Amino acid sequence: MYPSSLTPTRSREVSADQAGDLLRALRSVPDPRRDGGRRHPMAYVLGVLVMSFTCAGFGSFAASAQWAAAASARLLLTLGAAPDPLTGAVVAPSEATLRRIATRMDNEAFEAVLAAWTARLVSAEKDGPRLAVAIDGKAVRGARVGDLAAPHLLSAATHHTPVVLAQREIPGKTNEIPMVTTLLDDLRTAGHDPSRMVFTLDALHTQHATARLLHGADAGYVMTVKGNQPGLLAAVQAQVSAANQAPVRARSRGHARTAERLIQVAPATGIDFPGAARIFRIVRYTGGLDGQRVRKEVVYGITNLTTDQASDSQLAALIRGHWSIGNSIHYVRDVTFGEDASRVRTGNAPAVLAAIRNIATTALRLSGAGNIAAARRAATLDPTAAIQLFSRSRNQDKSSL
């Protein structure tokens, strides 16, 4: 396991003991409310949001308040409720309280806590010596206000069991490219070692500065090369063609289609790009179950991984793993959790709710759930079992979820 010490910005330190128990770790998220008049502890409010979003049908502020109102006193106490000192009554937070806290809270400190907890559960051994991580951005489209751009989030997500390791909201006056540095720092703070990772990135991030950053951290990178770097693209195309290496073929069949991929790899000799060791071309044919090709796609790329670190077939798998993040992470948030349908757009609430959707998916996936929608329905039927996914005493074998 990775170390789990964490000192998030503007929040108290999360100890290793706390990081192993999300419900305890949430106590370190700063409370945006004034000291007086706090009826519900901050961690309790966040625990209600996390647990309700894990259950199918309760993915909004109003639904979360309804879920809490119907929950037993024992369940709410487990989430951190503070009984009334006079009557002992356990009260559920209202929709207004849930919304107000999510809107005003420090979403970066919240993300840091979630990243530390996730780091305790993710091990690099699942991908051999290096953990494959995709860096990719996603807009929260439902949170768009007027002509302003929708909030945009940059995430680092694993390939093997797709979960988000860290996420950052991109400030309105910048873009994804400079935020890779911040995301790498977040991964280190959470306890990850970049030198034990290989990062896959799309063409937007195929930049000298990004390659220099990752290569300097002893991390692997696999980047797509497209027209935003015309000189690099021309050099890669010419060198792969001149090498004329025999392609490695891979075929797959499923989801009512067939696919064939051919990858040709060549040394990056003379290519002016930080750390470049090899370049490659992937030709992908897709068609119907009859095997008839109907579409062809050609992708060029560059990597600092040597032949000893990744074979040609492993390079192709890394690219394919990066493409799968759209279905494994983005689709789940948009469709299964209804992120696109949500019209929450005030303050930090869109980023906070996106983080909650991520951590609910993480808990379910790492417990062995193959179908997130089905797992959320199971959590709705048995929230007492589901809460163990986030507690120190959780049973990792949750086959029912």
Protein backbone atom coordinates (compact mmCIF):
# COMPACT_ATOMS: atom_id res chain seq x y z
CA MET A 1 0.00 0.00 0.00
CA TYR A 2 1.06 3.58 -0.55
CA PRO A 3 1.72 5.86 2.44
CA SER A 4 -1.34 7.90 3.28
CA SER A 5 -0.14 10.96 5.17
CA LEU A 6 -1.78 14.07 3.83
CA THR A 7 -1.76 17.77 4.58
CA PRO A 8 -4.39 19.32 2.30
CA THR A 9 -4.36 23.05 1.66
CA ARG A 10 -6.26 25.03 4.29
CA SER A 11 -7.26 21.90 6.21
CA ARG A 12 -6.00 19.94 9.18
CA GLU A 13 -3.69 17.00 8.62
CA VAL A 14 -5.31 13.69 7.80
CA SER A 15 -3.51 10.94 9.70
CA ALA A 16 -2.86 7.49 8.24
CA ASP A 17 -5.47 6.10 10.61
CA GLN A 18 -8.07 8.61 9.44
CA ALA A 19 -7.25 8.13 5.76
CA GLY A 20 -8.16 4.46 6.06
CA ASP A 21 -11.68 5.41 7.17
CA LEU A 22 -13.38 7.94 4.91
CA LEU A 23 -16.06 8.84 7.47
CA ARG A 24 -13.31 9.82 9.94
CA ALA A 25 -11.15 11.49 7.30
CA LEU A 26 -14.03 13.81 6.37
CA ARG A 27 -13.57 15.50 9.75
CA SER A 28 -10.48 17.23 8.36
CA VAL A 29 -12.45 19.11 5.67
CA PRO A 30 -12.76 22.74 6.82
CA ASP A 31 -16.24 23.89 7.81
CA PRO A 32 -17.30 27.04 5.90
CA ARG A 33 -19.86 28.00 8.55
CA ARG A 34 -19.26 30.38 11.43
CA ASP A 35 -18.42 28.78 14.76
CA GLY A 36 -21.83 29.42 16.28
CA GLY A 37 -25.09 27.68 15.44
CA ARG A 38 -23.75 24.48 13.87
CA ARG A 39 -26.45 21.90 14.35
CA HIS A 40 -24.82 19.26 12.18
CA PRO A 41 -21.09 18.41 12.13
CA MET A 42 -19.41 19.03 8.78
CA ALA A 43 -18.29 15.40 8.38
CA TYR A 44 -21.85 14.23 9.06
CA VAL A 45 -23.27 16.40 6.28
CA LEU A 46 -20.64 15.14 3.83
CA GLY A 47 -21.23 11.56 4.96
CA VAL A 48 -24.94 11.91 4.19
CA LEU A 49 -24.13 13.21 0.70
CA VAL A 50 -21.64 10.42 0.00
CA MET A 51 -23.95 7.67 1.24
CA SER A 52 -27.09 8.96 -0.46
CA PHE A 53 -25.33 9.39 -3.81
CA THR A 54 -24.07 5.82 -3.51
CA CYS A 55 -27.70 4.69 -3.46
CA ALA A 56 -29.67 4.71 -6.72
CA GLY A 57 -32.32 7.41 -6.98
CA PHE A 58 -30.79 9.77 -4.43
CA GLY A 59 -28.33 11.80 -6.52
CA SER A 60 -29.46 15.36 -5.71
CA PHE A 61 -29.68 17.67 -2.70
CA ALA A 62 -33.42 17.14 -2.36
CA ALA A 63 -33.05 13.37 -2.69
CA SER A 64 -30.17 13.32 -0.19
CA ALA A 65 -32.31 15.12 2.37
CA GLN A 66 -35.12 12.62 1.73
CA TRP A 67 -32.69 9.70 2.12
CA ALA A 68 -31.42 11.05 5.44
CA ALA A 69 -34.95 11.71 6.72
CA ALA A 70 -35.86 8.07 6.05
CA ALA A 71 -32.63 6.62 7.49
CA SER A 72 -32.55 5.07 10.95
CA ALA A 73 -31.06 6.96 13.89
CA ARG A 74 -28.40 4.26 14.15
CA LEU A 75 -27.33 4.77 10.54
CA LEU A 76 -27.17 8.55 10.96
CA LEU A 77 -25.10 8.15 14.12
CA THR A 78 -22.68 5.96 12.17
CA LEU A 79 -22.36 8.80 9.67
CA GLY A 80 -21.42 11.18 12.49
CA ALA A 81 -24.71 12.77 13.57
CA ALA A 82 -24.64 14.72 16.85
CA PRO A 83 -27.68 13.87 19.02
CA ASP A 84 -29.56 16.76 20.61
CA PRO A 85 -27.89 17.32 24.02
CA LEU A 86 -31.27 17.68 25.76
CA THR A 87 -33.56 15.19 24.03
CA GLY A 88 -31.09 12.82 22.41
CA ALA A 89 -32.95 13.15 19.13
CA VAL A 90 -30.99 12.46 15.93
CA VAL A 91 -31.94 14.92 13.19
CA ALA A 92 -31.33 14.60 9.45
CA PRO A 93 -29.83 17.61 7.63
CA SER A 94 -32.22 19.57 5.44
CA GLU A 95 -31.87 20.16 1.72
CA ALA A 96 -30.92 23.78 2.42
CA THR A 97 -28.11 22.70 4.74
CA LEU A 98 -26.73 20.18 2.26
CA ARG A 99 -26.84 22.70 -0.58
CA ARG A 100 -25.37 25.56 1.44
CA ILE A 101 -22.38 23.56 2.66
CA ALA A 102 -21.62 22.04 -0.75
CA THR A 103 -21.76 25.48 -2.33
CA ARG A 104 -19.43 27.17 0.15
CA MET A 105 -17.01 24.43 1.19
CA ASP A 106 -13.36 24.08 0.14
CA ASN A 107 -13.64 21.60 -2.72
CA GLU A 108 -9.84 21.28 -3.04
CA ALA A 109 -9.49 20.17 0.59
CA PHE A 110 -12.37 17.74 0.03
CA GLU A 111 -10.68 16.30 -3.07
CA ALA A 112 -7.44 15.90 -1.08
CA VAL A 113 -9.21 13.80 1.55
CA LEU A 114 -10.84 11.62 -1.11
CA ALA A 115 -7.50 11.18 -2.91
CA ALA A 116 -5.79 10.07 0.31
CA TRP A 117 -8.51 7.53 1.03
CA THR A 118 -8.39 6.16 -2.53
CA ALA A 119 -4.59 5.88 -2.37
CA ARG A 120 -4.96 3.48 0.56
CA LEU A 121 -6.92 1.10 -1.66
CA VAL A 122 -5.09 1.27 -5.00
CA SER A 123 -1.92 -0.73 -5.47
CA ALA A 124 0.55 -0.49 -8.35
CA GLU A 125 0.98 -4.27 -8.42
CA LYS A 126 -2.22 -4.62 -10.45
CA ASP A 127 -0.41 -3.29 -13.52
CA GLY A 128 3.00 -4.84 -12.78
CA PRO A 129 5.80 -2.42 -11.98
CA ARG A 130 3.83 0.65 -13.09
CA LEU A 131 0.26 1.77 -12.55
CA ALA A 132 -1.41 2.94 -15.78
CA VAL A 133 -3.13 6.31 -15.23
CA ALA A 134 -5.12 8.35 -17.74
CA ILE A 135 -5.16 12.14 -17.46
CA ASP A 136 -8.33 13.45 -19.04
CA GLY A 137 -10.70 16.40 -18.71
CA LYS A 138 -14.49 16.55 -18.49
CA ALA A 139 -16.98 19.41 -18.53
CA VAL A 140 -19.90 19.46 -16.08
CA ARG A 141 -22.29 20.47 -18.84
CA GLY A 142 -25.40 20.82 -16.72
CA ALA A 143 -23.70 23.52 -14.62
CA ARG A 144 -23.28 25.96 -17.51
CA VAL A 145 -24.63 29.44 -16.76
CA GLY A 146 -25.72 31.55 -19.75
CA ASP A 147 -22.87 32.10 -22.20
CA LEU A 148 -20.20 31.14 -19.65
CA ALA A 149 -18.27 27.93 -20.10
CA ALA A 150 -19.31 24.96 -18.00
CA PRO A 151 -17.03 24.04 -15.08
CA HIS A 152 -14.20 21.84 -16.33
CA LEU A 153 -12.50 19.13 -14.26
CA LEU A 154 -9.17 17.42 -14.90
CA SER A 155 -8.85 13.89 -13.51
CA ALA A 156 -6.24 11.18 -13.10
CA ALA A 157 -7.93 7.77 -13.41
CA THR A 158 -6.56 4.25 -13.35
CA HIS A 159 -6.88 1.92 -16.34
CA HIS A 160 -7.13 -1.53 -14.74
CA THR A 161 -10.09 -0.87 -12.43
CA PRO A 162 -11.22 2.58 -13.54
CA VAL A 163 -11.32 4.87 -10.49
CA VAL A 164 -10.37 8.54 -10.10
CA LEU A 165 -7.18 9.00 -8.07
CA ALA A 166 -7.25 12.80 -8.03
CA GLN A 167 -9.29 15.59 -9.60
CA ARG A 168 -8.95 19.35 -9.96
CA GLU A 169 -11.33 22.02 -11.17
CA ILE A 170 -9.68 24.12 -13.86
CA PRO A 171 -9.79 27.86 -13.12
CA GLY A 172 -11.84 29.88 -15.58
CA LYS A 173 -8.87 31.84 -16.95
CA THR A 174 -6.63 28.87 -17.75
CA ASN A 175 -6.88 25.45 -19.42
CA GLU A 176 -6.01 21.79 -18.82
CA ILE A 177 -2.36 22.00 -19.87
CA PRO A 178 -0.78 23.81 -16.87
CA MET A 179 -3.00 21.89 -14.43
CA VAL A 180 -1.09 18.65 -15.04
CA THR A 181 1.62 19.96 -12.69
CA THR A 182 -0.96 20.56 -9.97
CA LEU A 183 -2.52 17.15 -10.50
CA LEU A 184 0.89 15.48 -10.20
CA ASP A 185 1.47 17.31 -6.91
CA ASP A 186 -1.95 16.14 -5.69
CA LEU A 187 -1.02 12.53 -6.45
CA ARG A 188 2.23 12.86 -4.51
CA THR A 189 0.43 14.45 -1.56
CA ALA A 190 -2.07 11.60 -1.52
CA GLY A 191 0.78 9.12 -1.24
CA HIS A 192 1.37 7.99 -4.82
CA ASP A 193 4.81 7.66 -6.37
CA PRO A 194 4.83 9.03 -9.96
CA SER A 195 7.91 6.95 -10.78
CA ARG A 196 5.72 3.85 -10.40
CA MET A 197 3.16 5.20 -12.86
CA VAL A 198 2.78 5.53 -16.62
CA PHE A 199 0.52 8.36 -17.72
CA THR A 200 -1.55 8.30 -20.90
CA LEU A 201 -2.62 11.65 -22.33
CA ASP A 202 -4.51 12.87 -25.39
CA ALA A 203 -3.09 15.22 -28.00
CA LEU A 204 -3.98 18.39 -26.06
CA HIS A 205 -1.31 17.47 -23.50
CA THR A 206 1.35 16.50 -26.02
CA GLN A 207 3.52 19.44 -25.01
CA HIS A 208 7.25 19.72 -24.37
CA ALA A 209 6.62 21.10 -20.88
CA THR A 210 4.31 18.22 -19.91
CA ALA A 211 6.70 15.58 -21.25
CA ARG A 212 9.60 17.26 -19.43
CA LEU A 213 7.57 17.32 -16.20
CA LEU A 214 6.65 13.62 -16.34
CA HIS A 215 10.02 12.38 -17.59
CA GLY A 216 11.74 14.46 -14.90
CA ALA A 217 9.59 12.73 -12.28
CA ASP A 218 10.76 9.33 -13.64
CA ALA A 219 7.19 8.65 -14.72
CA GLY A 220 6.31 6.97 -17.97
CA TYR A 221 4.22 8.78 -20.56
CA VAL A 222 2.31 7.70 -23.67
CA MET A 223 1.01 10.66 -25.68
CA THR A 224 -1.10 10.96 -28.80
CA VAL A 225 0.36 13.15 -31.56
CA LYS A 226 -2.03 15.18 -33.72
CA GLY A 227 -2.22 18.40 -35.72
CA ASN A 228 -1.76 20.72 -32.73
CA GLN A 229 1.94 19.77 -33.00
CA PRO A 230 2.40 19.78 -36.81
CA GLY A 231 6.18 19.55 -36.80
CA LEU A 232 6.21 16.64 -34.36
CA LEU A 233 3.40 14.88 -36.23
CA ALA A 234 5.23 15.16 -39.57
CA ALA A 235 8.44 13.82 -38.03
CA VAL A 236 6.67 10.88 -36.39
CA GLN A 237 4.77 10.01 -39.58
CA ALA A 238 7.91 10.08 -41.68
CA GLN A 239 10.00 8.04 -39.25
CA VAL A 240 7.37 5.33 -38.67
CA SER A 241 6.89 4.97 -42.43
CA ALA A 242 10.63 4.83 -43.07
CA ALA A 243 11.16 2.17 -40.38
CA ASN A 244 8.63 -0.09 -42.13
CA GLN A 245 8.34 -2.38 -39.11
CA ALA A 246 6.01 -5.37 -39.29
CA PRO A 247 2.85 -4.48 -37.34
CA VAL A 248 1.61 -6.29 -34.25
CA ARG A 249 -2.06 -7.28 -34.73
CA ALA A 250 -4.82 -7.55 -32.15
CA ARG A 251 -8.47 -8.44 -32.76
CA SER A 252 -11.54 -8.10 -30.58
CA ARG A 253 -15.22 -8.89 -30.91
CA GLY A 254 -18.11 -7.59 -28.83
CA HIS A 255 -20.78 -4.92 -28.41
CA ALA A 256 -22.15 -5.80 -31.86
CA ARG A 257 -18.91 -4.99 -33.66
CA THR A 258 -15.48 -6.32 -34.53
CA ALA A 259 -12.20 -4.44 -34.32
CA GLU A 260 -8.68 -5.02 -35.58
CA ARG A 261 -5.69 -2.95 -34.42
CA LEU A 262 -2.26 -2.83 -36.02
CA ILE A 263 0.59 -1.10 -34.17
CA GLN A 264 3.94 -0.23 -35.72
CA VAL A 265 6.69 1.00 -33.40
CA ALA A 266 10.01 2.67 -34.24
CA PRO A 267 12.86 4.27 -32.28
CA ALA A 268 12.47 7.99 -31.63
CA THR A 269 15.96 8.67 -32.97
CA GLY A 270 16.32 12.35 -33.84
CA ILE A 271 12.83 13.28 -32.59
CA ASP A 272 13.03 16.56 -30.64
CA PHE A 273 10.82 15.76 -27.66
CA PRO A 274 11.80 15.41 -23.99
CA GLY A 275 12.56 11.84 -23.00
CA ALA A 276 11.25 10.35 -26.24
CA ALA A 277 12.31 6.72 -26.66
CA ARG A 278 9.85 5.35 -29.22
CA ILE A 279 7.17 6.50 -31.63
CA PHE A 280 4.26 4.48 -32.96
CA ARG A 281 1.33 4.31 -35.35
CA ILE A 282 -1.92 2.50 -34.57
CA VAL A 283 -4.33 1.68 -37.39
CA ARG A 284 -7.76 0.65 -36.13
CA TYR A 285 -10.41 -0.98 -38.30
CA THR A 286 -13.96 -1.48 -37.01
CA GLY A 287 -16.97 -3.16 -38.55
CA GLY A 288 -19.98 -5.36 -37.96
CA LEU A 289 -20.06 -8.88 -36.62
CA ASP A 290 -19.76 -10.12 -40.21
CA GLY A 291 -16.18 -8.84 -40.16
CA GLN A 292 -16.76 -6.26 -42.90
CA ARG A 293 -14.62 -3.16 -42.24
CA VAL A 294 -16.59 0.08 -42.26
CA ARG A 295 -14.28 2.51 -40.48
CA LYS A 296 -10.55 3.19 -40.35
CA GLU A 297 -8.75 5.34 -37.77
CA VAL A 298 -5.03 6.15 -37.68
CA VAL A 299 -3.37 7.40 -34.50
CA TYR A 300 0.25 8.44 -33.98
CA GLY A 301 1.97 8.65 -30.63
CA ILE A 302 5.19 9.04 -28.68
CA THR A 303 6.46 7.54 -25.45
CA ASN A 304 9.44 7.62 -23.14
CA LEU A 305 8.98 3.90 -22.35
CA THR A 306 11.74 1.66 -23.68
CA THR A 307 11.18 -1.79 -25.13
CA ASP A 308 12.18 -3.30 -21.78
CA GLN A 309 9.53 -1.23 -20.01
CA ALA A 310 6.63 -1.89 -22.43
CA SER A 311 6.32 -4.18 -25.42
CA ASP A 312 4.58 -3.13 -28.63
CA SER A 313 1.43 -4.95 -27.54
CA GLN A 314 1.54 -3.26 -24.13
CA LEU A 315 1.79 0.15 -25.81
CA ALA A 316 -1.33 -0.63 -27.82
CA ALA A 317 -3.09 -1.73 -24.62
CA LEU A 318 -2.17 1.53 -22.91
CA ILE A 319 -3.69 3.58 -25.71
CA ARG A 320 -6.81 1.44 -25.68
CA GLY A 321 -7.01 1.80 -21.90
CA HIS A 322 -6.92 5.57 -22.23
CA TRP A 323 -9.79 5.56 -24.72
CA SER A 324 -11.87 3.38 -22.38
CA ILE A 325 -11.90 6.06 -19.66
CA GLY A 326 -14.72 7.81 -21.50
CA ASN A 327 -17.02 4.85 -20.95
CA SER A 328 -15.70 3.78 -17.57
CA ILE A 329 -15.62 7.18 -15.86
CA HIS A 330 -17.37 9.87 -17.89
CA TYR A 331 -20.32 7.77 -19.03
CA VAL A 332 -20.94 6.52 -15.49
CA ARG A 333 -21.02 10.06 -14.13
CA ASP A 334 -23.16 11.41 -16.98
CA VAL A 335 -25.67 8.59 -17.30
CA THR A 336 -25.62 6.34 -14.23
CA PHE A 337 -25.37 9.29 -11.82
CA GLY A 338 -27.23 11.78 -14.02
CA GLU A 339 -24.52 14.44 -13.92
CA ASP A 340 -25.58 15.91 -17.28
CA ALA A 341 -29.15 16.26 -16.02
CA SER A 342 -28.12 18.08 -12.83
CA ARG A 343 -28.60 21.84 -12.93
CA VAL A 344 -26.59 22.58 -9.78
CA ARG A 345 -24.38 25.49 -10.76
CA THR A 346 -23.73 27.69 -7.73
CA GLY A 347 -20.32 28.15 -6.10
CA ASN A 348 -18.27 25.00 -5.56
CA ALA A 349 -21.30 22.69 -5.60
CA PRO A 350 -20.77 21.28 -9.16
CA ALA A 351 -17.18 20.25 -8.35
CA VAL A 352 -18.17 18.87 -4.93
CA LEU A 353 -20.95 16.72 -6.35
CA ALA A 354 -18.65 15.46 -9.13
CA ALA A 355 -16.16 14.43 -6.44
CA ILE A 356 -18.93 12.62 -4.55
CA ARG A 357 -19.95 10.72 -7.70
CA ASN A 358 -16.31 9.73 -8.18
CA ILE A 359 -15.84 8.43 -4.65
CA ALA A 360 -19.10 6.47 -4.72
CA THR A 361 -17.95 4.82 -7.96
CA THR A 362 -14.52 4.14 -6.44
CA ALA A 363 -15.98 2.45 -3.37
CA LEU A 364 -18.29 0.26 -5.43
CA ARG A 365 -15.66 -0.67 -8.05
CA LEU A 366 -12.97 -1.54 -5.54
CA SER A 367 -15.47 -3.74 -3.67
CA GLY A 368 -15.77 -5.81 -6.84
CA ALA A 369 -18.88 -4.31 -8.45
CA GLY A 370 -18.89 -4.79 -12.21
CA ASN A 371 -22.10 -2.88 -12.89
CA ILE A 372 -22.30 0.45 -11.05
CA ALA A 373 -26.01 0.93 -11.72
CA ALA A 374 -26.82 -2.50 -10.25
CA ALA A 375 -24.48 -1.90 -7.31
CA ARG A 376 -26.22 1.38 -6.48
CA ARG A 377 -29.59 -0.36 -6.52
CA ALA A 378 -28.20 -2.96 -4.10
CA ALA A 379 -26.91 -0.15 -1.87
CA THR A 380 -30.40 1.38 -1.81
CA LEU A 381 -31.81 -1.92 -0.58
CA ASP A 382 -29.13 -2.36 2.10
CA PRO A 383 -27.51 0.98 3.10
CA THR A 384 -26.17 -0.56 6.32
CA ALA A 385 -23.97 -2.90 4.25
CA ALA A 386 -23.05 -0.14 1.81
CA ILE A 387 -21.78 2.14 4.57
CA GLN A 388 -19.08 -0.42 5.36
CA LEU A 389 -17.46 0.42 2.02
CA PHE A 390 -16.37 3.75 3.51
CA SER A 391 -15.55 2.73 7.07
CA ARG A 392 -12.41 1.25 8.55
CA SER A 393 -14.24 -1.96 9.38
CA ARG A 394 -15.59 -2.38 5.84
CA ASN A 395 -15.76 -5.86 4.37
CA GLN A 396 -14.08 -5.69 0.97
CA ASP A 397 -16.00 -8.73 -0.29
CA LYS A 398 -19.30 -7.06 -1.19
CA SER A 399 -20.40 -9.43 -3.92
CA SER A 400 -24.02 -8.37 -3.43
CA LEU A 401 -23.07 -4.85 -4.50
